[in-house]
């Protein structure tokens, strides 16, 4: 229960993301994973390889 509460509080205050890994997917995109330092929330951002 505390994990859910801390995730809601962190979402309200704003997540503090740190890049954890970056991999090409083979279809012309690069996927970058970000993990919040406070609550562990994970976010994935994809970009075209030719825009990087």
PDB file of N, CA and C in Angstrom:
ATOM      1  N   UNK A   1       0.822  -1.200   0.000  1.00  0.00           N
ATOM      2  CA  UNK A   1       0.000   0.000   0.000  1.00  0.00           C
ATOM      3  C   UNK A   1       0.859   1.254   0.000  1.00  0.00           C
ATOM      4  N   UNK A   2       1.961   1.208   0.691  1.00  0.00           N
ATOM      5  CA  UNK A   2       2.828   2.385   0.755  1.00  0.00           C
ATOM      6  C   UNK A   2       3.419   2.711  -0.611  1.00  0.00           C
ATOM      7  N   UNK A   3       3.668   1.697  -1.449  1.00  0.00           N
ATOM      8  CA  UNK A   3       4.215   1.929  -2.780  1.00  0.00           C
ATOM      9  C   UNK A   3       3.251   2.706  -3.654  1.00  0.00           C
ATOM     10  N   UNK A   4       1.960   2.388  -3.547  1.00  0.00           N
ATOM     11  CA  UNK A   4       0.950   3.104  -4.328  1.00  0.00           C
ATOM     12  C   UNK A   4       0.858   4.552  -3.867  1.00  0.00           C
ATOM     13  N   UNK A   5       0.868   4.765  -2.564  1.00  0.00           N
ATOM     14  CA  UNK A   5       0.788   6.119  -2.019  1.00  0.00           C
ATOM     15  C   UNK A   5       2.008   6.934  -2.415  1.00  0.00           C
ATOM     16  N   UNK A   6       3.191   6.356  -2.344  1.00  0.00           N
ATOM     17  CA  UNK A   6       4.396   7.103  -2.707  1.00  0.00           C
ATOM     18  C   UNK A   6       4.410   7.423  -4.201  1.00  0.00           C
ATOM     19  N   UNK A   7       3.839   6.528  -5.032  1.00  0.00           N
ATOM     20  CA  UNK A   7       3.764   6.780  -6.467  1.00  0.00           C
ATOM     21  C   UNK A   7       2.829   7.944  -6.756  1.00  0.00           C
ATOM     22  N   UNK A   8       1.686   8.033  -6.049  1.00  0.00           N
ATOM     23  CA  UNK A   8       0.744   9.139  -6.240  1.00  0.00           C
ATOM     24  C   UNK A   8       1.365  10.454  -5.796  1.00  0.00           C
ATOM     25  N   UNK A   9       2.033  10.453  -4.655  1.00  0.00           N
ATOM     26  CA  UNK A   9       2.683  11.665  -4.149  1.00  0.00           C
ATOM     27  C   UNK A   9       3.778  12.121  -5.111  1.00  0.00           C
ATOM     28  N   UNK A  10       4.548  11.175  -5.623  1.00  0.00           N
ATOM     29  CA  UNK A  10       5.623  11.509  -6.551  1.00  0.00           C
ATOM     30  C   UNK A  10       5.046  12.058  -7.855  1.00  0.00           C
ATOM     31  N   UNK A  11       3.921  11.512  -8.294  1.00  0.00           N
ATOM     32  CA  UNK A  11       3.284  11.989  -9.524  1.00  0.00           C
ATOM     33  C   UNK A  11       2.819  13.436  -9.357  1.00  0.00           C
ATOM     34  N   UNK A  12       2.334  13.778  -8.163  1.00  0.00           N
ATOM     35  CA  UNK A  12       1.886  15.142  -7.898  1.00  0.00           C
ATOM     36  C   UNK A  12       3.063  16.117  -7.822  1.00  0.00           C
ATOM     37  N   UNK A  13       4.150  15.691  -7.185  1.00  0.00           N
ATOM     38  CA  UNK A  13       5.329  16.558  -7.043  1.00  0.00           C
ATOM     39  C   UNK A  13       6.145  16.633  -8.320  1.00  0.00           C
ATOM     40  N   UNK A  14       6.082  15.588  -9.127  1.00  0.00           N
ATOM     41  CA  UNK A  14       6.876  15.510 -10.351  1.00  0.00           C
ATOM     42  C   UNK A  14       7.943  14.445 -10.214  1.00  0.00           C
ATOM     43  N   UNK A  15       7.970  13.527 -11.175  1.00  0.00           N
ATOM     44  CA  UNK A  15       8.956  12.453 -11.136  1.00  0.00           C
ATOM     45  C   UNK A  15      10.356  12.999 -11.427  1.00  0.00           C
ATOM     46  N   UNK A  16      11.361  12.358 -10.854  1.00  0.00           N
ATOM     47  CA  UNK A  16      12.760  12.702 -11.088  1.00  0.00           C
ATOM     48  C   UNK A  16      13.360  11.546 -11.891  1.00  0.00           C
ATOM     49  N   UNK A  17      13.334  11.689 -13.224  1.00  0.00           N
ATOM     50  CA  UNK A  17      13.746  10.593 -14.087  1.00  0.00           C
ATOM     51  C   UNK A  17      15.239  10.574 -14.331  1.00  0.00           C
ATOM     52  N   UNK A  18      15.767   9.361 -14.450  1.00  0.00           N
ATOM     53  CA  UNK A  18      17.162   9.134 -14.825  1.00  0.00           C
ATOM     54  C   UNK A  18      17.163   8.085 -15.930  1.00  0.00           C
ATOM     55  N   UNK A  19      17.961   8.313 -16.966  1.00  0.00           N
ATOM     56  CA  UNK A  19      18.015   7.374 -18.083  1.00  0.00           C
ATOM     57  C   UNK A  19      18.609   6.055 -17.616  1.00  0.00           C
ATOM     58  N   UNK A  20      17.911   4.950 -17.917  1.00  0.00           N
ATOM     59  CA  UNK A  20      18.406   3.657 -17.468  1.00  0.00           C
ATOM     60  C   UNK A  20      18.995   2.833 -18.608  1.00  0.00           C
ATOM     61  N   UNK A  21      18.385   2.882 -19.806  1.00  0.00           N
ATOM     62  CA  UNK A  21      18.945   2.152 -20.939  1.00  0.00           C
ATOM     63  C   UNK A  21      18.395   2.711 -22.243  1.00  0.00           C
ATOM     64  N   UNK A  22      19.097   2.394 -23.328  1.00  0.00           N
ATOM     65  CA  UNK A  22      18.703   2.880 -24.643  1.00  0.00           C
ATOM     66  C   UNK A  22      19.034   1.796 -25.660  1.00  0.00           C
ATOM     67  N   UNK A  23      18.041   1.420 -26.481  1.00  0.00           N
ATOM     68  CA  UNK A  23      18.244   0.344 -27.449  1.00  0.00           C
ATOM     69  C   UNK A  23      17.522   0.670 -28.748  1.00  0.00           C
ATOM     70  N   UNK A  24      18.127   0.357 -29.896  1.00  0.00           N
ATOM     71  CA  UNK A  24      17.385   0.444 -31.162  1.00  0.00           C
ATOM     72  C   UNK A  24      16.424  -0.741 -31.263  1.00  0.00           C
ATOM     73  N   UNK A  25      15.268  -0.516 -31.890  1.00  0.00           N
ATOM     74  CA  UNK A  25      14.287  -1.599 -31.982  1.00  0.00           C
ATOM     75  C   UNK A  25      14.331  -2.336 -33.313  1.00  0.00           C
ATOM     76  N   UNK A  26      15.168  -1.904 -34.246  1.00  0.00           N
ATOM     77  CA  UNK A  26      15.279  -2.584 -35.528  1.00  0.00           C
ATOM     78  C   UNK A  26      14.299  -2.077 -36.569  1.00  0.00           C
ATOM     79  N   UNK A  27      13.415  -1.174 -36.216  1.00  0.00           N
ATOM     80  CA  UNK A  27      12.429  -0.623 -37.144  1.00  0.00           C
ATOM     81  C   UNK A  27      12.687   0.856 -37.413  1.00  0.00           C
ATOM     82  N   UNK A  28      13.877   1.349 -37.088  1.00  0.00           N
ATOM     83  CA  UNK A  28      14.205   2.754 -37.322  1.00  0.00           C
ATOM     84  C   UNK A  28      13.945   3.651 -36.135  1.00  0.00           C
ATOM     85  N   UNK A  29      13.638   3.070 -34.988  1.00  0.00           N
ATOM     86  CA  UNK A  29      13.392   3.856 -33.779  1.00  0.00           C
ATOM     87  C   UNK A  29      14.388   3.459 -32.700  1.00  0.00           C
ATOM     88  N   UNK A  30      14.681   4.414 -31.816  1.00  0.00           N
ATOM     89  CA  UNK A  30      15.501   4.141 -30.633  1.00  0.00           C
ATOM     90  C   UNK A  30      14.603   4.325 -29.411  1.00  0.00           C
ATOM     91  N   UNK A  31      14.521   3.297 -28.580  1.00  0.00           N
ATOM     92  CA  UNK A  31      13.720   3.354 -27.357  1.00  0.00           C
ATOM     93  C   UNK A  31      14.643   3.674 -26.183  1.00  0.00           C
ATOM     94  N   UNK A  32      14.257   4.671 -25.393  1.00  0.00           N
ATOM     95  CA  UNK A  32      15.025   5.067 -24.219  1.00  0.00           C
ATOM     96  C   UNK A  32      14.150   4.890 -22.985  1.00  0.00           C
ATOM     97  N   UNK A  33      14.647   4.131 -22.026  1.00  0.00           N
ATOM     98  CA  UNK A  33      13.914   3.894 -20.777  1.00  0.00           C
ATOM     99  C   UNK A  33      14.394   4.869 -19.718  1.00  0.00           C
ATOM    100  N   UNK A  34      13.442   5.468 -19.006  1.00  0.00           N
ATOM    101  CA  UNK A  34      13.725   6.360 -17.889  1.00  0.00           C
ATOM    102  C   UNK A  34      13.038   5.807 -16.647  1.00  0.00           C
ATOM    103  N   UNK A  35      13.742   5.826 -15.510  1.00  0.00           N
ATOM    104  CA  UNK A  35      13.178   5.358 -14.244  1.00  0.00           C
ATOM    105  C   UNK A  35      13.264   6.494 -13.226  1.00  0.00           C
ATOM    106  N   UNK A  36      12.162   6.710 -12.498  1.00  0.00           N
ATOM    107  CA  UNK A  36      12.127   7.741 -11.464  1.00  0.00           C
ATOM    108  C   UNK A  36      12.983   7.304 -10.279  1.00  0.00           C
ATOM    109  N   UNK A  37      13.814   8.205  -9.792  1.00  0.00           N
ATOM    110  CA  UNK A  37      14.690   7.896  -8.656  1.00  0.00           C
ATOM    111  C   UNK A  37      13.920   7.752  -7.354  1.00  0.00           C
ATOM    112  N   UNK A  38      12.778   8.409  -7.237  1.00  0.00           N
ATOM    113  CA  UNK A  38      12.037   8.392  -5.976  1.00  0.00           C
ATOM    114  C   UNK A  38      11.103   7.197  -5.830  1.00  0.00           C
ATOM    115  N   UNK A  39      10.300   6.903  -6.889  1.00  0.00           N
ATOM    116  CA  UNK A  39       9.262   5.874  -6.717  1.00  0.00           C
ATOM    117  C   UNK A  39       9.442   4.677  -7.637  1.00  0.00           C
ATOM    118  N   UNK A  40      10.358   4.743  -8.599  1.00  0.00           N
ATOM    119  CA  UNK A  40      10.594   3.615  -9.485  1.00  0.00           C
ATOM    120  C   UNK A  40       9.690   3.579 -10.706  1.00  0.00           C
ATOM    121  N   UNK A  41       8.908   4.642 -10.953  1.00  0.00           N
ATOM    122  CA  UNK A  41       8.031   4.698 -12.125  1.00  0.00           C
ATOM    123  C   UNK A  41       8.885   4.653 -13.390  1.00  0.00           C
ATOM    124  N   UNK A  42       8.453   3.844 -14.367  1.00  0.00           N
ATOM    125  CA  UNK A  42       9.228   3.676 -15.597  1.00  0.00           C
ATOM    126  C   UNK A  42       8.501   4.350 -16.757  1.00  0.00           C
ATOM    127  N   UNK A  43       9.261   5.024 -17.616  1.00  0.00           N
ATOM    128  CA  UNK A  43       8.720   5.707 -18.774  1.00  0.00           C
ATOM    129  C   UNK A  43       9.606   5.376 -19.972  1.00  0.00           C
ATOM    130  N   UNK A  44       8.988   5.157 -21.135  1.00  0.00           N
ATOM    131  CA  UNK A  44       9.735   4.838 -22.346  1.00  0.00           C
ATOM    132  C   UNK A  44       9.466   5.916 -23.380  1.00  0.00           C
ATOM    133  N   UNK A  45      10.543   6.435 -23.982  1.00  0.00           N
ATOM    134  CA  UNK A  45      10.434   7.444 -25.029  1.00  0.00           C
ATOM    135  C   UNK A  45      11.080   6.865 -26.291  1.00  0.00           C
ATOM    136  N   UNK A  46      10.377   6.968 -27.420  1.00  0.00           N
ATOM    137  CA  UNK A  46      10.945   6.482 -28.685  1.00  0.00           C
ATOM    138  C   UNK A  46      11.187   7.658 -29.615  1.00  0.00           C
ATOM    139  N   UNK A  47      12.277   7.598 -30.358  1.00  0.00           N
ATOM    140  CA  UNK A  47      12.641   8.625 -31.330  1.00  0.00           C
ATOM    141  C   UNK A  47      13.096   7.955 -32.607  1.00  0.00           C
ATOM    142  N   UNK A  48      12.897   8.614 -33.735  1.00  0.00           N
ATOM    143  CA  UNK A  48      13.418   8.117 -34.999  1.00  0.00           C
ATOM    144  C   UNK A  48      14.946   8.196 -34.956  1.00  0.00           C
ATOM    145  N   UNK A  49      15.613   7.195 -35.531  1.00  0.00           N
ATOM    146  CA  UNK A  49      17.076   7.166 -35.519  1.00  0.00           C
ATOM    147  C   UNK A  49      17.668   8.336 -36.291  1.00  0.00           C
ATOM    148  N   UNK A  50      16.995   8.791 -37.362  1.00  0.00           N
ATOM    149  CA  UNK A  50      17.531   9.891 -38.147  1.00  0.00           C
ATOM    150  C   UNK A  50      17.315  11.258 -37.491  1.00  0.00           C
ATOM    151  N   UNK A  51      16.541  11.330 -36.403  1.00  0.00           N
ATOM    152  CA  UNK A  51      16.337  12.582 -35.688  1.00  0.00           C
ATOM    153  C   UNK A  51      17.261  12.728 -34.483  1.00  0.00           C
ATOM    154  N   UNK A  52      17.991  11.676 -34.163  1.00  0.00           N
ATOM    155  CA  UNK A  52      18.844  11.687 -32.965  1.00  0.00           C
ATOM    156  C   UNK A  52      20.157  12.322 -33.247  1.00  0.00           C
TER     157      UNK A  52
END
